[in-house]
Amino acid sequence: MNMFLHNINYAEFNIQLGDTLTKLQDKKPLLYSEKPFDAIVSNPPYSINWAGSADPTLINDDRFAPAGVLAPKSRADFAFVLHALSYLSTQGRAAIVCFPGIFYRGGAEQKIRKYLVRENYMETIIALAPNLFYGTSIATCILVLSKHKPDTHTQFIDAGSLFKKETNNNILTAEHIDKIMQAFASKQDIDHFAKSISFEELEANDYNLSVSSYVEPPDTREKIDIDQLNAELATTVSKIHQLRTDIEHIVAEIDGVLT
């Protein structure tokens, strides 16, 4: 429907319905193809239940076995991520809308992050503003996976401040999208917006991939000029001293008149 509304020739794409995570044996799931894909765009449901460890055969599934662990039964997010990854060609790239919690929670999700980082599949994580998607007001992230990275860095982009307020939802304008894409394409560090982090630093940080851990927000606190403050304080003290002297003179004069 989105492709139709945006006048995209969807005849060029393989769009199917099916249970993506547990019915591969039918050979008719979403994204199934005899050949891998060069590009995948996915907006899977956030943190839904799935079979997970309740189905012991899934750990042997070609999509999940390389990570050595299954996504938690109550949070299938990384199952969808690994599913998409398995269908990428050696020159492929996937962009997946994700719930932010999967990038910093522990347990099985941390182990899957470790696998994705060590295999050098993590290209970019983009933090988005809240209330961009219908049906949820949460701030989401876009995870970009790649099988042809030129280096072992992972890029983090904090686009949380980029949005335009509309009646019911926030939106990204063309200018916002251009700013994100220019940072993504260049992979250059931009103060308070984008930063590329080495594999070694991610490893030292226990594979925490939260964008806020690496992109420092701007300091919005009022800057204080200490020299100017000290000068103003000295002036104030001088005025107080002069006022005290003036009051003493007035009191002395009053005493003189009364006596």
Protein backbone atom coordinates (compact mmCIF):
# COMPACT_ATOMS: atom_id res chain seq x y z
CA MET A 1 0.00 0.00 0.00
CA ASN A 2 2.85 2.42 0.83
CA MET A 3 4.48 1.66 -2.53
CA PHE A 4 1.19 2.26 -4.33
CA LEU A 5 0.60 5.58 -2.56
CA HIS A 6 4.13 6.77 -3.35
CA ASN A 7 3.95 5.69 -7.00
CA ILE A 8 6.69 3.06 -6.67
CA ASN A 9 6.71 0.28 -9.23
CA TYR A 10 6.06 -2.58 -6.80
CA ALA A 11 6.00 -5.11 -9.68
CA GLU A 12 9.78 -5.17 -9.34
CA PHE A 13 9.55 -6.41 -5.73
CA ASN A 14 8.74 -9.79 -4.24
CA ILE A 15 5.95 -9.11 -1.72
CA GLN A 16 4.34 -12.06 0.02
CA LEU A 17 2.46 -12.80 3.19
CA GLY A 18 3.36 -15.48 5.68
CA ASP A 19 4.81 -16.32 9.08
CA THR A 20 8.34 -15.04 8.54
CA LEU A 21 9.89 -16.59 11.61
CA THR A 22 8.57 -20.15 11.93
CA LYS A 23 7.27 -21.39 8.57
CA LEU A 24 10.30 -21.43 6.32
CA GLN A 25 9.70 -25.11 5.68
CA ASP A 26 6.69 -24.05 3.57
CA LYS A 27 9.08 -22.18 1.27
CA LYS A 28 6.54 -19.35 1.02
CA PRO A 29 7.33 -16.85 3.74
CA LEU A 30 7.76 -13.12 3.39
CA LEU A 31 11.07 -12.36 1.64
CA TYR A 32 11.53 -15.96 0.42
CA SER A 33 13.51 -16.22 -2.78
CA GLU A 34 15.86 -18.67 -4.43
CA LYS A 35 18.37 -15.83 -4.57
CA PRO A 36 19.46 -13.44 -1.80
CA PHE A 37 18.43 -9.80 -1.85
CA ASP A 38 20.66 -6.78 -2.41
CA ALA A 39 18.30 -4.55 -0.40
CA ILE A 40 15.73 -5.22 2.32
CA VAL A 41 13.50 -2.67 4.06
CA SER A 42 11.55 -3.94 7.06
CA ASN A 43 9.28 -2.53 9.76
CA PRO A 44 8.54 -5.61 11.89
CA PRO A 45 6.27 -5.53 14.96
CA TYR A 46 8.00 -4.46 18.17
CA SER A 47 8.65 -6.91 21.00
CA ILE A 48 6.01 -9.49 20.13
CA ASN A 49 5.95 -13.07 21.41
CA TRP A 50 7.28 -15.90 19.26
CA ALA A 51 8.13 -19.57 19.72
CA GLY A 52 11.80 -18.99 20.56
CA SER A 53 13.27 -21.61 22.88
CA ALA A 54 9.89 -23.36 23.10
CA ASP A 55 10.69 -24.76 19.65
CA PRO A 56 14.05 -26.58 19.99
CA THR A 57 14.38 -26.92 16.21
CA LEU A 58 14.76 -23.16 15.76
CA ILE A 59 18.31 -23.09 17.15
CA ASN A 60 19.31 -25.23 14.15
CA ASP A 61 17.58 -22.91 11.68
CA ASP A 62 20.09 -21.42 9.24
CA ARG A 63 18.88 -17.91 10.11
CA PHE A 64 19.42 -18.17 13.87
CA ALA A 65 22.12 -20.84 14.33
CA PRO A 66 25.11 -18.56 13.51
CA ALA A 67 24.28 -16.29 16.47
CA GLY A 68 24.26 -19.31 18.79
CA VAL A 69 21.21 -18.06 20.68
CA LEU A 70 17.56 -17.32 20.00
CA ALA A 71 15.81 -14.02 20.61
CA PRO A 72 13.77 -14.09 23.85
CA LYS A 73 10.30 -15.64 23.57
CA SER A 74 8.69 -12.38 24.70
CA ARG A 75 10.74 -10.19 22.34
CA ALA A 76 11.08 -11.41 18.77
CA ASP A 77 12.82 -8.24 17.52
CA PHE A 78 16.21 -9.83 16.86
CA ALA A 79 14.56 -12.86 15.28
CA PHE A 80 13.25 -10.52 12.58
CA VAL A 81 16.69 -8.89 12.31
CA LEU A 82 18.46 -12.23 11.85
CA HIS A 83 15.77 -13.32 9.40
CA ALA A 84 16.41 -10.28 7.22
CA LEU A 85 20.19 -10.70 7.52
CA SER A 86 19.98 -14.27 6.27
CA TYR A 87 18.39 -13.10 3.01
CA LEU A 88 21.03 -10.48 2.19
CA SER A 89 23.45 -11.07 -0.65
CA THR A 90 27.17 -10.59 -0.09
CA GLN A 91 26.66 -7.06 -1.44
CA GLY A 92 23.37 -6.57 0.40
CA ARG A 93 22.13 -3.98 2.87
CA ALA A 94 19.04 -4.01 5.11
CA ALA A 95 17.29 -1.14 6.88
CA ILE A 96 15.10 -2.31 9.76
CA VAL A 97 12.95 -0.18 12.08
CA CYS A 98 13.64 -1.39 15.63
CA PHE A 99 12.59 -0.84 19.22
CA PRO A 100 15.47 0.97 21.00
CA GLY A 101 15.62 -1.48 23.90
CA ILE A 102 17.18 -4.21 21.78
CA PHE A 103 20.38 -2.16 21.55
CA TYR A 104 21.16 -2.07 25.27
CA ARG A 105 19.31 -4.91 27.02
CA GLY A 106 21.32 -7.86 28.31
CA GLY A 107 20.88 -11.62 28.02
CA ALA A 108 20.24 -13.19 24.62
CA GLU A 109 19.89 -9.81 22.94
CA GLN A 110 23.37 -8.80 24.06
CA LYS A 111 24.76 -12.06 22.69
CA ILE A 112 23.10 -11.43 19.33
CA ARG A 113 24.54 -7.90 19.25
CA LYS A 114 27.95 -9.38 19.97
CA TYR A 115 27.55 -11.75 17.02
CA LEU A 116 26.43 -8.96 14.66
CA VAL A 117 29.32 -6.69 15.69
CA ARG A 118 31.98 -9.41 15.55
CA GLU A 119 30.82 -10.53 12.11
CA ASN A 120 30.93 -6.86 11.05
CA TYR A 121 27.30 -6.65 9.93
CA MET A 122 26.40 -3.54 11.97
CA GLU A 123 26.76 -0.51 9.70
CA THR A 124 24.63 2.24 11.26
CA ILE A 125 22.07 2.79 14.01
CA ILE A 126 19.90 5.89 13.60
CA ALA A 127 17.90 7.15 16.58
CA LEU A 128 14.67 8.81 15.43
CA ALA A 129 12.28 11.26 17.07
CA PRO A 130 9.20 9.97 18.91
CA ASN A 131 5.72 9.78 17.41
CA LEU A 132 6.81 9.34 13.78
CA PHE A 133 4.83 6.15 13.19
CA TYR A 134 1.09 5.68 13.34
CA GLY A 135 -0.03 3.44 16.17
CA THR A 136 2.90 4.17 18.50
CA SER A 137 4.39 7.28 20.03
CA ILE A 138 7.73 5.73 21.01
CA ALA A 139 11.05 6.89 19.60
CA THR A 140 12.35 4.17 17.29
CA CYS A 141 15.67 3.41 15.61
CA ILE A 142 16.68 2.33 12.13
CA LEU A 143 19.23 -0.47 12.10
CA VAL A 144 21.27 -0.70 8.91
CA LEU A 145 22.94 -4.06 8.31
CA SER A 146 25.54 -4.55 5.61
CA LYS A 147 27.52 -7.48 4.26
CA HIS A 148 30.04 -5.32 2.42
CA LYS A 149 31.40 -2.84 4.95
CA PRO A 150 34.78 -1.31 4.06
CA ASP A 151 35.88 -1.12 7.73
CA THR A 152 35.00 -2.45 11.18
CA HIS A 153 33.39 0.71 12.56
CA THR A 154 29.72 1.11 13.45
CA GLN A 155 28.11 4.48 12.86
CA PHE A 156 25.67 6.09 15.30
CA ILE A 157 23.38 8.94 14.24
CA ASP A 158 21.21 10.86 16.70
CA ALA A 159 18.35 12.25 14.61
CA GLY A 160 16.02 12.52 17.59
CA SER A 161 15.78 16.30 17.28
CA LEU A 162 14.83 16.19 13.60
CA PHE A 163 11.07 16.37 13.21
CA LYS A 164 8.23 18.67 12.31
CA LYS A 165 5.16 18.74 14.52
CA GLU A 166 1.91 17.88 12.76
CA THR A 167 -1.61 17.45 14.13
CA ASN A 168 -1.38 13.81 15.15
CA ASN A 169 2.17 12.72 14.32
CA ASN A 170 5.62 14.15 13.92
CA ILE A 171 7.09 13.95 10.44
CA LEU A 172 10.54 14.03 8.83
CA THR A 173 10.86 16.73 6.20
CA ALA A 174 12.95 16.40 3.05
CA GLU A 175 15.63 18.53 4.72
CA HIS A 176 15.71 16.21 7.73
CA ILE A 177 16.07 13.15 5.52
CA ASP A 178 18.83 14.83 3.49
CA LYS A 179 20.78 15.62 6.65
CA ILE A 180 20.52 12.01 7.85
CA MET A 181 21.47 10.58 4.45
CA GLN A 182 24.45 12.91 4.02
CA ALA A 183 25.81 11.83 7.40
CA PHE A 184 25.13 8.19 6.60
CA ALA A 185 26.86 8.37 3.22
CA SER A 186 29.91 10.31 4.38
CA LYS A 187 30.45 8.39 7.65
CA GLN A 188 32.07 11.58 8.97
CA ASP A 189 31.83 12.45 12.65
CA ILE A 190 29.53 15.43 13.27
CA ASP A 191 29.39 17.02 16.70
CA HIS A 192 26.23 16.07 18.58
CA PHE A 193 24.84 14.22 15.54
CA ALA A 194 26.98 11.39 14.14
CA LYS A 195 29.94 9.33 15.30
CA SER A 196 31.66 6.17 14.07
CA ILE A 197 32.86 3.81 16.78
CA SER A 198 35.54 1.14 16.45
CA PHE A 199 34.94 -2.55 17.07
CA GLU A 200 37.34 -2.40 20.02
CA GLU A 201 35.35 0.35 21.75
CA LEU A 202 32.05 -1.50 21.25
CA GLU A 203 33.64 -4.64 22.66
CA ALA A 204 34.98 -2.72 25.67
CA ASN A 205 31.46 -1.34 26.23
CA ASP A 206 29.96 -4.87 26.34
CA TYR A 207 28.27 -4.38 22.96
CA ASN A 208 25.96 -1.66 24.20
CA LEU A 209 24.73 -0.10 20.97
CA SER A 210 22.54 2.65 22.36
CA VAL A 211 23.03 5.78 20.26
CA SER A 212 23.07 8.01 23.35
CA SER A 213 26.14 6.12 24.62
CA TYR A 214 28.24 7.43 21.74
CA VAL A 215 26.73 10.67 20.41
CA GLU A 216 27.02 13.43 22.99
CA PRO A 217 23.98 15.73 23.09
CA PRO A 218 24.55 19.48 22.81
CA ASP A 219 25.05 21.33 26.08
CA THR A 220 21.98 23.53 26.36
CA ARG A 221 22.91 24.91 29.75
CA GLU A 222 23.51 28.66 29.95
CA LYS A 223 27.21 29.42 29.62
CA ILE A 224 28.62 31.47 32.50
CA ASP A 225 31.53 33.86 32.02
CA ILE A 226 33.41 33.47 35.31
CA ASP A 227 35.51 36.61 34.79
CA GLN A 228 32.43 38.70 34.08
CA LEU A 229 30.62 37.15 37.05
CA ASN A 230 33.54 37.96 39.36
CA ALA A 231 33.65 41.53 38.07
CA GLU A 232 29.91 41.97 38.65
CA LEU A 233 30.27 40.46 42.11
CA ALA A 234 33.10 42.88 42.97
CA THR A 235 30.98 45.81 41.77
CA THR A 236 28.05 44.64 43.88
CA VAL A 237 30.24 44.26 46.97
CA SER A 238 31.65 47.76 46.40
CA LYS A 239 28.13 49.21 46.13
CA ILE A 240 27.06 47.41 49.32
CA HIS A 241 30.11 48.81 51.12
CA GLN A 242 29.35 52.32 49.90
CA LEU A 243 25.72 51.98 50.93
CA ARG A 244 26.74 50.84 54.40
CA THR A 245 29.07 53.88 54.71
CA ASP A 246 26.30 56.24 53.59
CA ILE A 247 23.89 54.74 56.13
CA GLU A 248 26.45 55.14 58.92
CA HIS A 249 26.88 58.82 58.03
CA ILE A 250 23.12 59.36 58.05
CA VAL A 251 22.78 57.63 61.43
CA ALA A 252 25.63 59.79 62.83
CA GLU A 253 23.97 62.96 61.65
CA ILE A 254 20.63 61.95 63.17
CA ASP A 255 22.36 61.19 66.50
CA GLY A 256 23.99 64.65 66.39
CA VAL A 257 20.69 66.41 65.89
CA LEU A 258 18.94 64.47 68.64
CA THR A 259 21.68 65.11 71.20
